[in-house]
Amino acid sequence: MNYHRIADYTDAYSNGAHIARAERWPSDWVKPAAEYRASMLAADRAEIGLKYGTGERNALDLFLPESAPRGLVIFIHGGYWKSLDRTYWSHFAQGCVARGFAMAIPSYDLCPEVRIADITRQIGAAVTRAAEQITGPITITGHSAGGHLSARMVSAGTPLPGAVLDRVKIVAPISGLHDLRPLMRSELNETLRIDEAEALAESPALLRPAGHARLCAWVGGAERHEFLRQNALLANIWTGLGVATACYAEPNRHHFDVLDGLLDPDHALTRALTDI
């Protein structure tokens, strides 16, 4: 009998150390993101820095298709709740925008200045602000920590108003972290400061789903075991709680290039976000 046990929680949640030339990310995203923002602004199809709160980082960028939007996709960035902002990810809007959807990408305050529960509330405000700008169905997605936050929007205790929650048709966390308890045993927690109470209150896999959204849990097939496990965990539990779920590990994709599908309007990931 072969048993599996996490011997080093810090290593289990370390991505770059196990990806060749990982130092490329996120810096490789800066130029294409800036070029996409500039091109969309030049085409009068972007609104940059829409405020959803009073803080400096409480703002979102909105990218618009050529004609009236078929709906809204909200992408929540990653960075372990402690780094990065919306400007790194703009170009990942292009696949969904090409399929006729608007995409909103918010920034949010970071740990340790705030707690994960505070970020959840901020993202709720960001989703609500974006929903005021665009009518129709809503898909919420996000990467890594953003994947956690996307699922958190449709789980018990969601900060979304009922009218907005009712519009959310798909939630599609990408490489999401859905049970925060293991992170308490990682060096990450020196910054995140997750305690047992917050882990129980903020882990989608430990909460009942809210609303009626379908769940598409997506992960790179070459990711760390813990990301594969966390991805399957949420789908497994929420299937048992009555949610229509799909769980997919995209072959030969690691934690960073798993997002590349969003660049292509015909990629299965982009189609999953816009299949409304």
Protein backbone atom coordinates (compact mmCIF):
# COMPACT_ATOMS: atom_id res chain seq x y z
CA MET A 1 0.00 0.00 0.00
CA ASN A 2 1.38 3.42 -0.99
CA TYR A 3 0.51 6.29 1.33
CA HIS A 4 0.75 9.98 0.50
CA ARG A 5 1.52 12.62 3.10
CA ILE A 6 2.52 16.26 2.78
CA ALA A 7 6.00 16.46 4.27
CA ASP A 8 6.67 20.12 3.45
CA TYR A 9 3.65 22.39 3.15
CA THR A 10 5.71 25.32 1.90
CA ASP A 11 7.10 23.26 -0.95
CA ALA A 12 3.69 21.75 -1.70
CA TYR A 13 2.36 25.21 -2.51
CA SER A 14 5.51 26.52 -4.23
CA ASN A 15 5.02 26.67 -7.98
CA GLY A 16 8.07 28.39 -9.39
CA ALA A 17 10.57 26.01 -7.83
CA HIS A 18 9.10 23.18 -9.92
CA ILE A 19 8.69 24.95 -13.29
CA ALA A 20 11.54 25.42 -15.75
CA ARG A 21 12.39 29.10 -16.28
CA ALA A 22 9.67 30.11 -13.85
CA GLU A 23 11.39 33.45 -13.33
CA ARG A 24 9.74 34.55 -16.60
CA TRP A 25 6.43 34.96 -14.79
CA PRO A 26 4.78 37.31 -14.07
CA SER A 27 7.17 39.72 -15.82
CA ASP A 28 6.46 38.17 -19.23
CA TRP A 29 2.84 39.28 -18.89
CA VAL A 30 3.60 42.98 -18.37
CA LYS A 31 4.26 43.97 -22.00
CA PRO A 32 1.36 42.11 -23.68
CA ALA A 33 -0.99 43.34 -20.95
CA ALA A 34 0.07 46.96 -21.49
CA GLU A 35 -0.18 46.62 -25.28
CA TYR A 36 -3.69 45.18 -25.00
CA ARG A 37 -4.84 48.01 -22.72
CA ALA A 38 -3.39 50.58 -25.11
CA SER A 39 -5.04 49.02 -28.15
CA MET A 40 -8.41 48.76 -26.43
CA LEU A 41 -8.21 52.35 -25.21
CA ALA A 42 -7.35 53.49 -28.72
CA ALA A 43 -10.42 51.64 -30.01
CA ASP A 44 -12.57 53.25 -27.27
CA ARG A 45 -13.34 49.79 -25.91
CA ALA A 46 -11.79 50.03 -22.44
CA GLU A 47 -12.61 51.80 -19.21
CA ILE A 48 -9.55 51.86 -16.98
CA GLY A 49 -9.58 52.41 -13.24
CA LEU A 50 -13.30 52.27 -12.50
CA LYS A 51 -13.59 52.70 -8.73
CA TYR A 52 -15.56 50.25 -6.62
CA GLY A 53 -14.31 51.43 -3.22
CA THR A 54 -12.33 54.15 -1.51
CA GLY A 55 -8.91 52.48 -1.42
CA GLU A 56 -6.20 53.11 -3.99
CA ARG A 57 -6.38 49.50 -5.21
CA ASN A 58 -10.20 49.37 -5.19
CA ALA A 59 -10.53 49.74 -8.95
CA LEU A 60 -11.17 47.59 -11.99
CA ASP A 61 -10.51 47.69 -15.72
CA LEU A 62 -13.33 46.88 -18.12
CA PHE A 63 -12.76 45.65 -21.69
CA LEU A 64 -15.60 45.70 -24.21
CA PRO A 65 -16.39 43.71 -27.36
CA GLU A 66 -17.05 45.40 -30.69
CA SER A 67 -20.84 45.16 -30.33
CA ALA A 68 -23.26 45.00 -27.40
CA PRO A 69 -21.90 42.52 -24.83
CA ARG A 70 -23.48 39.08 -24.62
CA GLY A 71 -22.64 39.15 -20.92
CA LEU A 72 -19.86 39.83 -18.44
CA VAL A 73 -16.81 37.79 -17.42
CA ILE A 74 -14.98 38.84 -14.27
CA PHE A 75 -11.36 37.70 -13.89
CA ILE A 76 -9.79 37.87 -10.42
CA HIS A 77 -6.00 37.85 -10.37
CA GLY A 78 -3.77 35.63 -8.28
CA GLY A 79 -0.60 36.21 -6.29
CA TYR A 80 -1.46 34.35 -3.07
CA TRP A 81 -3.60 37.28 -1.87
CA LYS A 82 -0.33 39.16 -1.21
CA SER A 83 1.07 40.40 -4.53
CA LEU A 84 0.36 41.68 -8.06
CA ASP A 85 -2.52 43.76 -9.39
CA ARG A 86 -4.90 43.92 -12.33
CA THR A 87 -2.36 45.41 -14.77
CA TYR A 88 -0.50 42.09 -15.26
CA TRP A 89 -3.51 40.27 -16.71
CA SER A 90 -5.26 42.61 -19.18
CA HIS A 91 -4.39 40.60 -22.30
CA PHE A 92 -6.10 37.51 -20.91
CA ALA A 93 -9.38 39.29 -21.66
CA GLN A 94 -8.95 38.95 -25.40
CA GLY A 95 -10.43 35.48 -25.89
CA CYS A 96 -13.67 36.24 -24.06
CA VAL A 97 -13.93 39.71 -25.58
CA ALA A 98 -13.56 38.19 -29.05
CA ARG A 99 -16.51 35.94 -28.20
CA GLY A 100 -18.65 38.98 -27.49
CA PHE A 101 -18.30 39.28 -23.71
CA ALA A 102 -17.11 42.21 -21.64
CA MET A 103 -14.37 41.37 -19.14
CA ALA A 104 -13.70 43.15 -15.85
CA ILE A 105 -10.40 42.70 -14.01
CA PRO A 106 -10.22 44.20 -10.50
CA SER A 107 -7.33 44.86 -8.15
CA TYR A 108 -7.77 44.48 -4.41
CA ASP A 109 -5.89 45.22 -1.19
CA LEU A 110 -3.25 42.69 -0.19
CA CYS A 111 -2.25 40.71 2.87
CA PRO A 112 -0.92 41.43 5.46
CA GLU A 113 -2.46 44.92 5.36
CA VAL A 114 -5.86 43.21 5.13
CA ARG A 115 -7.13 39.70 5.77
CA ILE A 116 -8.52 37.28 3.19
CA ALA A 117 -12.02 37.92 4.55
CA ASP A 118 -11.56 41.62 3.76
CA ILE A 119 -10.48 40.75 0.20
CA THR A 120 -13.62 38.62 -0.19
CA ARG A 121 -15.74 41.66 0.67
CA GLN A 122 -13.77 43.85 -1.73
CA ILE A 123 -14.22 41.42 -4.60
CA GLY A 124 -17.94 41.33 -3.83
CA ALA A 125 -18.00 45.10 -4.25
CA ALA A 126 -15.97 44.85 -7.47
CA VAL A 127 -18.31 42.26 -8.98
CA THR A 128 -21.31 44.41 -8.03
CA ARG A 129 -19.73 47.50 -9.61
CA ALA A 130 -18.95 45.64 -12.82
CA ALA A 131 -22.47 44.21 -12.92
CA GLU A 132 -23.82 47.76 -12.85
CA GLN A 133 -21.92 48.51 -16.06
CA ILE A 134 -22.88 45.44 -18.11
CA THR A 135 -26.23 43.71 -18.38
CA GLY A 136 -26.83 40.01 -18.93
CA PRO A 137 -25.35 36.80 -17.51
CA ILE A 138 -22.17 36.79 -15.45
CA THR A 139 -19.23 34.38 -15.34
CA ILE A 140 -16.74 34.70 -12.49
CA THR A 141 -13.29 33.23 -12.93
CA GLY A 142 -9.86 33.77 -11.42
CA HIS A 143 -6.41 32.26 -11.11
CA SER A 144 -4.89 30.65 -7.99
CA ALA A 145 -5.90 32.95 -5.10
CA GLY A 146 -8.26 34.52 -7.61
CA GLY A 147 -9.72 31.08 -8.20
CA HIS A 148 -10.48 30.88 -4.48
CA LEU A 149 -12.13 34.31 -4.61
CA SER A 150 -14.22 33.37 -7.63
CA ALA A 151 -15.66 30.33 -5.85
CA ARG A 152 -16.10 32.38 -2.70
CA MET A 153 -18.52 34.64 -4.57
CA VAL A 154 -20.97 31.74 -4.97
CA SER A 155 -20.60 30.09 -1.57
CA ALA A 156 -22.39 30.63 1.73
CA GLY A 157 -21.81 34.08 3.16
CA THR A 158 -21.19 35.59 -0.28
CA PRO A 159 -20.98 39.38 -0.23
CA LEU A 160 -22.92 39.60 -3.50
CA PRO A 161 -26.40 41.12 -3.43
CA GLY A 162 -29.11 38.64 -4.38
CA ALA A 163 -29.86 40.35 -7.69
CA VAL A 164 -26.21 40.05 -8.75
CA LEU A 165 -25.83 36.49 -7.47
CA ASP A 166 -28.86 35.46 -9.53
CA ARG A 167 -27.07 36.65 -12.68
CA VAL A 168 -23.98 34.48 -12.05
CA LYS A 169 -24.39 31.49 -14.37
CA ILE A 170 -20.85 30.05 -14.34
CA VAL A 171 -18.02 30.09 -11.82
CA ALA A 172 -14.74 28.80 -13.20
CA PRO A 173 -11.81 28.86 -10.78
CA ILE A 174 -8.47 28.19 -12.48
CA SER A 175 -5.87 26.48 -10.26
CA GLY A 176 -7.95 27.57 -7.29
CA LEU A 177 -7.25 27.13 -3.58
CA HIS A 178 -10.50 26.02 -2.00
CA ASP A 179 -9.49 24.70 1.44
CA LEU A 180 -7.32 27.25 3.24
CA ARG A 181 -6.43 25.03 6.19
CA PRO A 182 -3.27 23.48 4.63
CA LEU A 183 -1.89 26.97 3.96
CA MET A 184 -1.84 27.59 7.69
CA ARG A 185 1.08 25.13 7.82
CA SER A 186 3.02 26.90 5.05
CA GLU A 187 5.48 29.77 5.35
CA LEU A 188 2.92 31.74 3.33
CA ASN A 189 0.94 32.13 6.52
CA GLU A 190 3.55 34.48 7.95
CA THR A 191 1.96 36.99 5.57
CA LEU A 192 -1.57 35.63 5.17
CA ARG A 193 -2.21 35.17 8.91
CA ILE A 194 -5.01 32.65 8.33
CA ASP A 195 -6.39 31.25 11.56
CA GLU A 196 -8.78 28.34 12.04
CA ALA A 197 -11.86 30.55 12.20
CA GLU A 198 -10.99 32.34 8.96
CA ALA A 199 -10.11 29.09 7.21
CA LEU A 200 -13.50 27.65 8.08
CA ALA A 201 -15.36 30.81 7.07
CA GLU A 202 -13.45 31.51 3.83
CA SER A 203 -12.85 28.05 2.29
CA PRO A 204 -15.38 27.35 -0.49
CA ALA A 205 -14.84 23.60 -0.14
CA LEU A 206 -16.05 23.86 3.47
CA LEU A 207 -19.09 25.97 2.60
CA ARG A 208 -22.39 25.28 0.95
CA PRO A 209 -22.79 26.72 -2.55
CA ALA A 210 -24.99 29.78 -2.97
CA GLY A 211 -26.96 30.73 -6.07
CA HIS A 212 -27.41 28.56 -9.13
CA ALA A 213 -24.11 28.83 -11.02
CA ARG A 214 -22.48 25.87 -12.73
CA LEU A 215 -18.96 25.08 -11.54
CA CYS A 216 -16.09 24.46 -13.95
CA ALA A 217 -12.97 23.68 -11.90
CA TRP A 218 -9.92 23.97 -14.18
CA VAL A 219 -6.26 23.23 -13.44
CA GLY A 220 -3.07 22.50 -15.33
CA GLY A 221 -2.34 18.80 -15.54
CA ALA A 222 1.35 19.41 -14.75
CA GLU A 223 0.67 21.46 -11.62
CA ARG A 224 1.70 20.61 -8.07
CA HIS A 225 -0.25 17.78 -6.49
CA GLU A 226 -1.91 20.13 -4.03
CA PHE A 227 -3.39 22.26 -6.82
CA LEU A 228 -4.71 19.16 -8.55
CA ARG A 229 -6.17 17.95 -5.26
CA GLN A 230 -7.73 21.29 -4.39
CA ASN A 231 -9.28 21.58 -7.84
CA ALA A 232 -10.87 18.13 -7.61
CA LEU A 233 -11.88 18.69 -4.00
CA LEU A 234 -14.24 21.57 -4.71
CA ALA A 235 -15.86 19.81 -7.65
CA ASN A 236 -16.25 16.61 -5.64
CA ILE A 237 -17.90 18.28 -2.66
CA TRP A 238 -20.14 20.63 -4.60
CA THR A 239 -21.33 17.83 -6.86
CA GLY A 240 -22.63 16.16 -3.72
CA LEU A 241 -24.37 19.39 -2.75
CA GLY A 242 -26.35 19.56 -5.97
CA VAL A 243 -24.21 21.81 -8.16
CA ALA A 244 -23.71 21.01 -11.85
CA THR A 245 -19.94 20.58 -11.97
CA ALA A 246 -17.10 19.88 -14.36
CA CYS A 247 -13.52 19.17 -13.31
CA TYR A 248 -10.69 19.27 -15.82
CA ALA A 249 -6.89 19.03 -15.67
CA GLU A 250 -5.53 20.45 -18.92
CA PRO A 251 -2.66 18.23 -20.13
CA ASN A 252 0.90 19.59 -20.16
CA ARG A 253 -0.02 22.90 -18.53
CA HIS A 254 1.67 24.25 -15.41
CA HIS A 255 0.55 26.90 -12.95
CA PHE A 256 1.39 29.84 -15.23
CA ASP A 257 0.80 28.74 -18.81
CA VAL A 258 -2.57 27.23 -17.86
CA LEU A 259 -3.89 30.77 -18.48
CA ASP A 260 -2.79 30.81 -22.12
CA GLY A 261 -6.09 29.30 -23.22
CA LEU A 262 -7.76 32.61 -22.36
CA LEU A 263 -5.90 34.24 -25.25
CA ASP A 264 -7.73 32.07 -27.80
CA PRO A 265 -11.47 32.55 -28.40
CA ASP A 266 -11.72 28.95 -29.58
CA HIS A 267 -9.86 27.34 -26.70
CA ALA A 268 -11.89 25.04 -24.45
CA LEU A 269 -11.24 27.23 -21.40
CA THR A 270 -12.55 30.35 -23.11
CA ARG A 271 -15.54 28.41 -24.37
CA ALA A 272 -16.22 27.14 -20.86
CA LEU A 273 -16.37 30.72 -19.58
CA THR A 274 -18.71 31.88 -22.31
CA ASP A 275 -20.97 28.84 -22.75
CA ILE A 276 -24.06 30.58 -21.37
